[in-house]
Amino acid sequence: MGLLEKGQVESFERDGFLILRDFFDAAEVDDLRHATAEILRVAKRGTRGVGFDPWTKEPGDALNPNRVYYYNDIFLRHPRLDAHMRNPRLASVFCELYDNDIDAFQSATVVKPAMMNFDFQGWHQDAPDYIPLSNYKLSSALTYLGDMGPDTGGTSLVPASHRDGLFERGYVEMPGWPVKKRIIKGFEKYESRIVTPQFHPGDVLIFHPCVMHRANSNYTEVSKIGLINAYRSVDCIDIEQRSTFKADNIPITRGRGVV
C-alpha cells in the first residue's frame, strides 16, 4: 500500500497541488534546519546560484545572517540535504503521483529573511523556466521548516490554474524598488480564487509547475526556511537540455525503490 490515498491523487490532479501535513517529524525538521543554517551562515555574495536580499545589506538573524533568499544545488553542500533529496518516503509520493520511477530535477532552499518584503517575486508559474518538456510530469515538493502563513513567509496558490496552460510573464518597475516585480499578465481574473494555507514545521506542499503561486513576505524577526526538491518522471524529458541544476537527471528510484 502506498502513502497516498486515491482521493489525494485526484486532489492533486484537480487542484495542481497537494498538502501533506506532518510529513516529517520534529527531529527530522530540526536536522534539516541545522543543516541548512550551516550553509546559510557561510554564503558569500557573488556566489553562483545564491540570491541575497535586494532590499538591504544589513545583517540578518542568527539563522540566516547573510540574508540569503535562495540557494540552489544544496544537496552538494551538506550530506543531510543530499539525504533529504533521496528520502524514500518523499520519493514514494512522486512514484505514486506519476505511476513511474523518478529522477531528481532541483535541490534548493527558498528562505524568507527576517522582515523581508517578498512582493518582488510576484505571481508566477515555474514551467516557463523548464520548457520545452516532453510532458508535465514534473513537480516540486516544498518542505516547511517553520510556521509559515500569509505574512510569515508562506505560499499562496490558485487552485486548478495549471489547467489553463501557460501565461505570459512580465516584469514591472516599482517606484523606489531595487528590482522589478514579476507578474503574470491577465492574473486579475484569478484573484478571487487565491488560497493561502497555514503551514507548520514538517508539512510538505507538492505543486505542479503550471500552477500559479507566489511566496509571501516574512514580517517576523526570524528567517523562515523552506526546502525545494523537484522531481520528474523518467519519461519527462528536457528536450533542449536547458536545465543547469546539478541535481537534474540524478536517478532517485528504479523499480520503485530508492537507488
C-alpha atoms as a PDB file:
ATOM      1  CA  MET A   1       0.000   0.000   0.000  1.00  0.00           C
ATOM      2  CA  GLY A   2       1.308   3.458  -0.898  1.00  0.00           C
ATOM      3  CA  LEU A   3       1.473   6.613   1.182  1.00  0.00           C
ATOM      4  CA  LEU A   4      -1.242   8.391  -0.777  1.00  0.00           C
ATOM      5  CA  GLU A   5      -4.945   7.686  -0.826  1.00  0.00           C
ATOM      6  CA  LYS A   6      -6.875   7.726  -4.089  1.00  0.00           C
ATOM      7  CA  GLY A   7      -8.545  10.993  -3.090  1.00  0.00           C
ATOM      8  CA  GLN A   8      -5.166  12.690  -2.610  1.00  0.00           C
ATOM      9  CA  VAL A   9      -4.022  11.751  -6.116  1.00  0.00           C
ATOM     10  CA  GLU A  10      -7.322  13.011  -7.513  1.00  0.00           C
ATOM     11  CA  SER A  11      -6.973  16.229  -5.495  1.00  0.00           C
ATOM     12  CA  PHE A  12      -3.501  16.821  -6.940  1.00  0.00           C
ATOM     13  CA  GLU A  13      -4.756  16.259 -10.468  1.00  0.00           C
ATOM     14  CA  ARG A  14      -7.739  18.596  -9.911  1.00  0.00           C
ATOM     15  CA  ASP A  15      -6.084  21.425  -7.957  1.00  0.00           C
ATOM     16  CA  GLY A  16      -2.468  21.190  -9.107  1.00  0.00           C
ATOM     17  CA  PHE A  17      -1.166  20.925  -5.561  1.00  0.00           C
ATOM     18  CA  LEU A  18      -1.306  18.658  -2.535  1.00  0.00           C
ATOM     19  CA  ILE A  19      -0.508  19.382   1.128  1.00  0.00           C
ATOM     20  CA  LEU A  20       0.943  16.541   3.208  1.00  0.00           C
ATOM     21  CA  ARG A  21       0.582  17.504   6.860  1.00  0.00           C
ATOM     22  CA  ASP A  22       3.233  16.417   9.422  1.00  0.00           C
ATOM     23  CA  PHE A  23       5.112  14.507   6.734  1.00  0.00           C
ATOM     24  CA  PHE A  24       8.407  14.980   8.592  1.00  0.00           C
ATOM     25  CA  ASP A  25       8.637  14.723  12.367  1.00  0.00           C
ATOM     26  CA  ALA A  26      10.183  17.262  14.751  1.00  0.00           C
ATOM     27  CA  ALA A  27      13.578  15.524  14.862  1.00  0.00           C
ATOM     28  CA  GLU A  28      13.824  15.475  11.066  1.00  0.00           C
ATOM     29  CA  VAL A  29      12.815  19.133  10.869  1.00  0.00           C
ATOM     30  CA  ASP A  30      15.489  20.100  13.427  1.00  0.00           C
ATOM     31  CA  ASP A  31      18.134  18.146  11.499  1.00  0.00           C
ATOM     32  CA  LEU A  32      17.198  19.833   8.238  1.00  0.00           C
ATOM     33  CA  ARG A  33      17.046  23.291   9.797  1.00  0.00           C
ATOM     34  CA  HIS A  34      20.522  22.900  11.346  1.00  0.00           C
ATOM     35  CA  ALA A  35      21.982  21.592   8.080  1.00  0.00           C
ATOM     36  CA  THR A  36      20.504  24.453   6.077  1.00  0.00           C
ATOM     37  CA  ALA A  37      21.629  27.027   8.631  1.00  0.00           C
ATOM     38  CA  GLU A  38      25.210  25.737   8.290  1.00  0.00           C
ATOM     39  CA  ILE A  39      25.335  26.572   4.587  1.00  0.00           C
ATOM     40  CA  LEU A  40      23.450  29.858   5.001  1.00  0.00           C
ATOM     41  CA  ARG A  41      25.967  31.129   7.548  1.00  0.00           C
ATOM     42  CA  VAL A  42      28.915  30.778   5.157  1.00  0.00           C
ATOM     43  CA  ALA A  43      27.163  32.003   1.980  1.00  0.00           C
ATOM     44  CA  LYS A  44      29.006  34.855   0.305  1.00  0.00           C
ATOM     45  CA  ARG A  45      27.565  37.491  -2.025  1.00  0.00           C
ATOM     46  CA  GLY A  46      28.548  36.820  -5.605  1.00  0.00           C
ATOM     47  CA  THR A  47      28.353  33.044  -5.243  1.00  0.00           C
ATOM     48  CA  ARG A  48      26.764  31.479  -8.313  1.00  0.00           C
ATOM     49  CA  GLY A  49      23.325  30.052  -7.658  1.00  0.00           C
ATOM     50  CA  VAL A  50      22.785  32.028  -4.447  1.00  0.00           C
ATOM     51  CA  GLY A  51      20.459  35.026  -4.113  1.00  0.00           C
ATOM     52  CA  PHE A  52      20.608  37.687  -1.406  1.00  0.00           C
ATOM     53  CA  ASP A  53      18.048  40.151  -0.067  1.00  0.00           C
ATOM     54  CA  PRO A  54      17.987  43.025  -2.598  1.00  0.00           C
ATOM     55  CA  TRP A  55      16.476  45.484  -0.109  1.00  0.00           C
ATOM     56  CA  THR A  56      19.417  45.733   2.304  1.00  0.00           C
ATOM     57  CA  LYS A  57      22.963  44.576   3.024  1.00  0.00           C
ATOM     58  CA  GLU A  58      22.454  44.811   6.751  1.00  0.00           C
ATOM     59  CA  PRO A  59      22.981  41.528   8.638  1.00  0.00           C
ATOM     60  CA  GLY A  60      20.061  39.209   9.269  1.00  0.00           C
ATOM     61  CA  ASP A  61      19.281  36.922  12.193  1.00  0.00           C
ATOM     62  CA  ALA A  62      21.370  34.102  13.683  1.00  0.00           C
ATOM     63  CA  LEU A  63      19.764  31.540  11.384  1.00  0.00           C
ATOM     64  CA  ASN A  64      20.465  33.496   8.204  1.00  0.00           C
ATOM     65  CA  PRO A  65      22.991  36.271   8.971  1.00  0.00           C
ATOM     66  CA  ASN A  66      23.771  36.954   5.298  1.00  0.00           C
ATOM     67  CA  ARG A  67      20.112  37.320   4.310  1.00  0.00           C
ATOM     68  CA  VAL A  68      20.102  34.606   1.650  1.00  0.00           C
ATOM     69  CA  TYR A  69      16.740  34.170  -0.041  1.00  0.00           C
ATOM     70  CA  TYR A  70      17.551  31.261  -2.359  1.00  0.00           C
ATOM     71  CA  TYR A  71      20.369  28.751  -2.682  1.00  0.00           C
ATOM     72  CA  ASN A  72      20.492  26.182  -5.492  1.00  0.00           C
ATOM     73  CA  ASP A  73      22.159  22.754  -5.524  1.00  0.00           C
ATOM     74  CA  ILE A  74      22.168  22.451  -1.740  1.00  0.00           C
ATOM     75  CA  PHE A  75      22.414  18.661  -1.949  1.00  0.00           C
ATOM     76  CA  LEU A  76      26.075  19.211  -2.869  1.00  0.00           C
ATOM     77  CA  ARG A  77      26.662  21.415   0.187  1.00  0.00           C
ATOM     78  CA  HIS A  78      25.593  19.138   3.031  1.00  0.00           C
ATOM     79  CA  PRO A  79      25.128  15.335   3.321  1.00  0.00           C
ATOM     80  CA  ARG A  80      21.911  15.773   5.310  1.00  0.00           C
ATOM     81  CA  LEU A  81      20.391  17.765   2.455  1.00  0.00           C
ATOM     82  CA  ASP A  82      21.546  15.158  -0.055  1.00  0.00           C
ATOM     83  CA  ALA A  83      19.808  12.506   2.072  1.00  0.00           C
ATOM     84  CA  HIS A  84      16.661  14.643   2.117  1.00  0.00           C
ATOM     85  CA  MET A  85      16.619  14.742  -1.696  1.00  0.00           C
ATOM     86  CA  ARG A  86      16.749  10.924  -1.688  1.00  0.00           C
ATOM     87  CA  ASN A  87      14.240  10.443   1.152  1.00  0.00           C
ATOM     88  CA  PRO A  88      12.408   7.159   0.425  1.00  0.00           C
ATOM     89  CA  ARG A  89       9.014   8.382   1.652  1.00  0.00           C
ATOM     90  CA  LEU A  90       9.195  11.579  -0.387  1.00  0.00           C
ATOM     91  CA  ALA A  91      10.343   9.634  -3.446  1.00  0.00           C
ATOM     92  CA  SER A  92       7.481   7.176  -2.992  1.00  0.00           C
ATOM     93  CA  VAL A  93       4.924  10.002  -3.171  1.00  0.00           C
ATOM     94  CA  PHE A  94       6.199  11.068  -6.582  1.00  0.00           C
ATOM     95  CA  CYS A  95       6.245   7.464  -7.834  1.00  0.00           C
ATOM     96  CA  GLU A  96       2.574   7.251  -6.889  1.00  0.00           C
ATOM     97  CA  LEU A  97       1.638  10.591  -8.471  1.00  0.00           C
ATOM     98  CA  TYR A  98       3.272   9.680 -11.779  1.00  0.00           C
ATOM     99  CA  ASP A  99       2.906   5.895 -11.689  1.00  0.00           C
ATOM    100  CA  ASN A 100       6.552   5.724 -12.714  1.00  0.00           C
ATOM    101  CA  ASP A 101      10.110   5.908 -11.454  1.00  0.00           C
ATOM    102  CA  ILE A 102      11.548   9.365 -10.900  1.00  0.00           C
ATOM    103  CA  ASP A 103      14.734  11.367 -11.325  1.00  0.00           C
ATOM    104  CA  ALA A 104      15.763  14.430  -9.377  1.00  0.00           C
ATOM    105  CA  PHE A 105      15.459  17.828 -11.001  1.00  0.00           C
ATOM    106  CA  GLN A 106      16.253  20.507  -8.418  1.00  0.00           C
ATOM    107  CA  SER A 107      17.544  20.717  -4.833  1.00  0.00           C
ATOM    108  CA  ALA A 108      17.337  24.194  -3.316  1.00  0.00           C
ATOM    109  CA  THR A 109      16.297  26.256  -0.340  1.00  0.00           C
ATOM    110  CA  VAL A 110      13.980  29.253  -0.563  1.00  0.00           C
ATOM    111  CA  VAL A 111      14.421  31.419   2.528  1.00  0.00           C
ATOM    112  CA  LYS A 112      12.366  34.380   3.690  1.00  0.00           C
ATOM    113  CA  PRO A 113      14.845  36.532   5.670  1.00  0.00           C
ATOM    114  CA  ALA A 114      13.573  38.285   8.784  1.00  0.00           C
ATOM    115  CA  MET A 115      11.397  41.316   7.982  1.00  0.00           C
ATOM    116  CA  MET A 116      11.763  40.922   4.206  1.00  0.00           C
ATOM    117  CA  ASN A 117       9.260  42.173   1.639  1.00  0.00           C
ATOM    118  CA  PHE A 118       8.963  39.352  -0.902  1.00  0.00           C
ATOM    119  CA  ASP A 119       6.475  41.067  -3.206  1.00  0.00           C
ATOM    120  CA  PHE A 120       9.054  41.429  -5.974  1.00  0.00           C
ATOM    121  CA  GLN A 121       8.882  37.671  -6.597  1.00  0.00           C
ATOM    122  CA  GLY A 122       5.237  38.099  -7.564  1.00  0.00           C
ATOM    123  CA  TRP A 123       2.763  35.629  -9.006  1.00  0.00           C
ATOM    124  CA  HIS A 124       4.333  33.165 -11.411  1.00  0.00           C
ATOM    125  CA  GLN A 125       4.391  29.699 -12.912  1.00  0.00           C
ATOM    126  CA  ASP A 126       7.575  27.623 -12.803  1.00  0.00           C
ATOM    127  CA  ALA A 127       7.092  25.833 -16.130  1.00  0.00           C
ATOM    128  CA  PRO A 128       8.342  28.678 -18.382  1.00  0.00           C
ATOM    129  CA  ASP A 129      11.784  28.164 -16.832  1.00  0.00           C
ATOM    130  CA  TYR A 130      11.739  24.470 -17.783  1.00  0.00           C
ATOM    131  CA  ILE A 131      10.064  24.124 -21.188  1.00  0.00           C
ATOM    132  CA  PRO A 132      10.192  22.514 -23.647  1.00  0.00           C
ATOM    133  CA  LEU A 133       9.487  19.239 -21.836  1.00  0.00           C
ATOM    134  CA  SER A 134       8.105  16.042 -23.336  1.00  0.00           C
ATOM    135  CA  ASN A 135       5.325  16.147 -20.717  1.00  0.00           C
ATOM    136  CA  TYR A 136       4.498  17.918 -17.448  1.00  0.00           C
ATOM    137  CA  LYS A 137       5.130  15.025 -15.075  1.00  0.00           C
ATOM    138  CA  LEU A 138       7.432  17.246 -13.044  1.00  0.00           C
ATOM    139  CA  SER A 139       6.575  18.863  -9.707  1.00  0.00           C
ATOM    140  CA  SER A 140       8.185  20.448  -6.673  1.00  0.00           C
ATOM    141  CA  ALA A 141       7.997  19.394  -3.032  1.00  0.00           C
ATOM    142  CA  LEU A 142       8.348  22.304  -0.611  1.00  0.00           C
ATOM    143  CA  THR A 143       9.214  21.186   2.924  1.00  0.00           C
ATOM    144  CA  TYR A 144       8.450  23.819   5.572  1.00  0.00           C
ATOM    145  CA  LEU A 145      10.895  24.072   8.470  1.00  0.00           C
ATOM    146  CA  GLY A 146       8.897  26.694  10.386  1.00  0.00           C
ATOM    147  CA  ASP A 147       5.389  28.060  10.858  1.00  0.00           C
ATOM    148  CA  MET A 148       4.631  29.976   7.681  1.00  0.00           C
ATOM    149  CA  GLY A 149       1.463  31.778   6.624  1.00  0.00           C
ATOM    150  CA  PRO A 150       0.185  34.928   4.850  1.00  0.00           C
ATOM    151  CA  ASP A 151       2.678  37.396   6.395  1.00  0.00           C
ATOM    152  CA  THR A 152       5.185  34.882   7.732  1.00  0.00           C
ATOM    153  CA  GLY A 153       6.749  33.526   4.563  1.00  0.00           C
ATOM    154  CA  GLY A 154       4.085  31.054   3.445  1.00  0.00           C
ATOM    155  CA  THR A 155       2.906  30.187  -0.059  1.00  0.00           C
ATOM    156  CA  SER A 156      -0.231  31.325  -1.866  1.00  0.00           C
ATOM    157  CA  LEU A 157      -1.714  29.374  -4.774  1.00  0.00           C
ATOM    158  CA  VAL A 158      -4.551  29.445  -7.296  1.00  0.00           C
ATOM    159  CA  PRO A 159      -6.242  26.015  -7.312  1.00  0.00           C
ATOM    160  CA  ALA A 160      -6.703  24.398 -10.736  1.00  0.00           C
ATOM    161  CA  SER A 161      -4.814  27.188 -12.528  1.00  0.00           C
ATOM    162  CA  HIS A 162      -2.494  24.564 -14.039  1.00  0.00           C
ATOM    163  CA  ARG A 163      -5.416  23.524 -16.238  1.00  0.00           C
ATOM    164  CA  ASP A 164      -5.384  26.840 -18.090  1.00  0.00           C
ATOM    165  CA  GLY A 165      -1.939  26.470 -19.643  1.00  0.00           C
ATOM    166  CA  LEU A 166       0.952  28.900 -19.563  1.00  0.00           C
ATOM    167  CA  PHE A 167       0.521  32.654 -19.260  1.00  0.00           C
ATOM    168  CA  GLU A 168       2.809  35.433 -20.380  1.00  0.00           C
ATOM    169  CA  ARG A 169       5.247  36.563 -17.729  1.00  0.00           C
ATOM    170  CA  GLY A 170       6.094  40.211 -17.247  1.00  0.00           C
ATOM    171  CA  TYR A 171       8.280  42.484 -15.116  1.00  0.00           C
ATOM    172  CA  VAL A 172       7.253  45.960 -13.989  1.00  0.00           C
ATOM    173  CA  GLU A 173       9.182  48.844 -12.476  1.00  0.00           C
ATOM    174  CA  MET A 174       8.003  49.805  -8.993  1.00  0.00           C
ATOM    175  CA  PRO A 175       8.822  53.244  -7.556  1.00  0.00           C
ATOM    176  CA  GLY A 176      11.654  53.003  -5.045  1.00  0.00           C
ATOM    177  CA  TRP A 177      12.174  49.251  -5.506  1.00  0.00           C
ATOM    178  CA  PRO A 178      15.691  47.885  -6.139  1.00  0.00           C
ATOM    179  CA  VAL A 179      14.358  45.224  -8.545  1.00  0.00           C
ATOM    180  CA  LYS A 180      11.415  44.810 -10.912  1.00  0.00           C
ATOM    181  CA  LYS A 181       8.284  42.980  -9.807  1.00  0.00           C
ATOM    182  CA  ARG A 182       7.463  39.728 -11.573  1.00  0.00           C
ATOM    183  CA  ILE A 183       3.845  39.375 -12.753  1.00  0.00           C
ATOM    184  CA  ILE A 184       1.516  37.096 -14.709  1.00  0.00           C
ATOM    185  CA  LYS A 185      -0.282  39.068 -17.406  1.00  0.00           C
ATOM    186  CA  GLY A 186      -4.041  38.685 -17.058  1.00  0.00           C
ATOM    187  CA  PHE A 187      -3.840  37.463 -13.469  1.00  0.00           C
ATOM    188  CA  GLU A 188      -6.607  39.775 -12.280  1.00  0.00           C
ATOM    189  CA  LYS A 189      -9.386  37.314 -13.099  1.00  0.00           C
ATOM    190  CA  TYR A 190      -7.786  34.705 -10.810  1.00  0.00           C
ATOM    191  CA  GLU A 191      -7.526  36.878  -7.703  1.00  0.00           C
ATOM    192  CA  SER A 192     -10.805  35.661  -6.207  1.00  0.00           C
ATOM    193  CA  ARG A 193      -9.540  32.071  -6.254  1.00  0.00           C
ATOM    194  CA  ILE A 194      -6.351  32.639  -4.228  1.00  0.00           C
ATOM    195  CA  VAL A 195      -5.764  30.397  -1.208  1.00  0.00           C
ATOM    196  CA  THR A 196      -3.046  30.936   1.414  1.00  0.00           C
ATOM    197  CA  PRO A 197      -2.751  27.891   3.672  1.00  0.00           C
ATOM    198  CA  GLN A 198      -1.077  27.979   7.057  1.00  0.00           C
ATOM    199  CA  PHE A 199       1.923  25.646   7.084  1.00  0.00           C
ATOM    200  CA  HIS A 200       3.652  24.099  10.072  1.00  0.00           C
ATOM    201  CA  PRO A 201       7.119  22.549  10.513  1.00  0.00           C
ATOM    202  CA  GLY A 202       7.233  19.207   8.719  1.00  0.00           C
ATOM    203  CA  ASP A 203       4.402  19.952   6.282  1.00  0.00           C
ATOM    204  CA  VAL A 204       5.099  19.372   2.581  1.00  0.00           C
ATOM    205  CA  LEU A 205       3.463  21.197  -0.336  1.00  0.00           C
ATOM    206  CA  ILE A 206       3.659  19.435  -3.699  1.00  0.00           C
ATOM    207  CA  PHE A 207       2.742  21.606  -6.681  1.00  0.00           C
ATOM    208  CA  HIS A 208       2.548  21.315 -10.462  1.00  0.00           C
ATOM    209  CA  PRO A 209       4.904  23.563 -12.498  1.00  0.00           C
ATOM    210  CA  CYS A 210       1.970  25.292 -14.209  1.00  0.00           C
ATOM    211  CA  VAL A 211       0.052  26.174 -11.042  1.00  0.00           C
ATOM    212  CA  MET A 212       0.051  29.905 -10.266  1.00  0.00           C
ATOM    213  CA  HIS A 213       1.730  30.604  -6.934  1.00  0.00           C
ATOM    214  CA  ARG A 214       3.727  33.174  -5.006  1.00  0.00           C
ATOM    215  CA  ALA A 215       5.943  33.356  -1.931  1.00  0.00           C
ATOM    216  CA  ASN A 216       4.693  35.670   0.814  1.00  0.00           C
ATOM    217  CA  SER A 217       6.669  38.244   2.762  1.00  0.00           C
ATOM    218  CA  ASN A 218       8.056  37.464   6.206  1.00  0.00           C
ATOM    219  CA  TYR A 219       7.227  40.183   8.727  1.00  0.00           C
ATOM    220  CA  THR A 220       8.735  38.404  11.723  1.00  0.00           C
ATOM    221  CA  GLU A 221      12.155  38.695  13.359  1.00  0.00           C
ATOM    222  CA  VAL A 222      13.151  35.141  12.364  1.00  0.00           C
ATOM    223  CA  SER A 223      14.116  33.801   8.928  1.00  0.00           C
ATOM    224  CA  LYS A 224      11.761  31.152   7.563  1.00  0.00           C
ATOM    225  CA  ILE A 225      13.285  28.216   5.678  1.00  0.00           C
ATOM    226  CA  GLY A 226      11.693  26.036   3.026  1.00  0.00           C
ATOM    227  CA  LEU A 227      13.423  23.242   1.129  1.00  0.00           C
ATOM    228  CA  ILE A 228      12.586  22.703  -2.540  1.00  0.00           C
ATOM    229  CA  ASN A 229      13.057  19.287  -4.079  1.00  0.00           C
ATOM    230  CA  ALA A 230      11.768  18.973  -7.626  1.00  0.00           C
ATOM    231  CA  TYR A 231      11.418  15.584  -9.301  1.00  0.00           C
ATOM    232  CA  ARG A 232      10.324  14.401 -12.695  1.00  0.00           C
ATOM    233  CA  SER A 233       9.088  11.125 -14.108  1.00  0.00           C
ATOM    234  CA  VAL A 234      11.737   9.252 -16.090  1.00  0.00           C
ATOM    235  CA  ASP A 235       9.692   9.876 -19.258  1.00  0.00           C
ATOM    236  CA  CYS A 236       9.631  13.658 -18.685  1.00  0.00           C
ATOM    237  CA  ILE A 237      12.460  14.799 -20.945  1.00  0.00           C
ATOM    238  CA  ASP A 238      14.154  18.196 -21.026  1.00  0.00           C
ATOM    239  CA  ILE A 239      14.096  18.368 -24.821  1.00  0.00           C
ATOM    240  CA  GLU A 240      16.644  21.160 -25.255  1.00  0.00           C
ATOM    241  CA  GLN A 241      18.689  20.327 -22.149  1.00  0.00           C
ATOM    242  CA  ARG A 242      18.065  23.800 -20.747  1.00  0.00           C
ATOM    243  CA  SER A 243      18.401  22.876 -17.098  1.00  0.00           C
ATOM    244  CA  THR A 244      21.526  23.986 -15.250  1.00  0.00           C
ATOM    245  CA  PHE A 245      20.546  22.332 -11.955  1.00  0.00           C
ATOM    246  CA  LYS A 246      23.220  19.935 -10.719  1.00  0.00           C
ATOM    247  CA  ALA A 247      20.526  17.600  -9.360  1.00  0.00           C
ATOM    248  CA  ASP A 248      18.946  17.185 -12.788  1.00  0.00           C
ATOM    249  CA  ASN A 249      18.924  13.608 -14.135  1.00  0.00           C
ATOM    250  CA  ILE A 250      20.137  12.009 -10.908  1.00  0.00           C
ATOM    251  CA  PRO A 251      18.236   8.699 -10.610  1.00  0.00           C
ATOM    252  CA  ILE A 252      16.153   8.627  -7.425  1.00  0.00           C
ATOM    253  CA  THR A 253      14.050   5.476  -7.847  1.00  0.00           C
ATOM    254  CA  ARG A 254      14.261   2.409 -10.045  1.00  0.00           C
ATOM    255  CA  GLY A 255      11.775  -0.414  -9.661  1.00  0.00           C
ATOM    256  CA  ARG A 256      10.012   1.908  -7.175  1.00  0.00           C
ATOM    257  CA  GLY A 257      12.960   1.606  -4.784  1.00  0.00           C
ATOM    258  CA  VAL A 258      15.437   4.390  -3.945  1.00  0.00           C
ATOM    259  CA  VAL A 259      18.682   3.978  -5.848  1.00  0.00           C
END
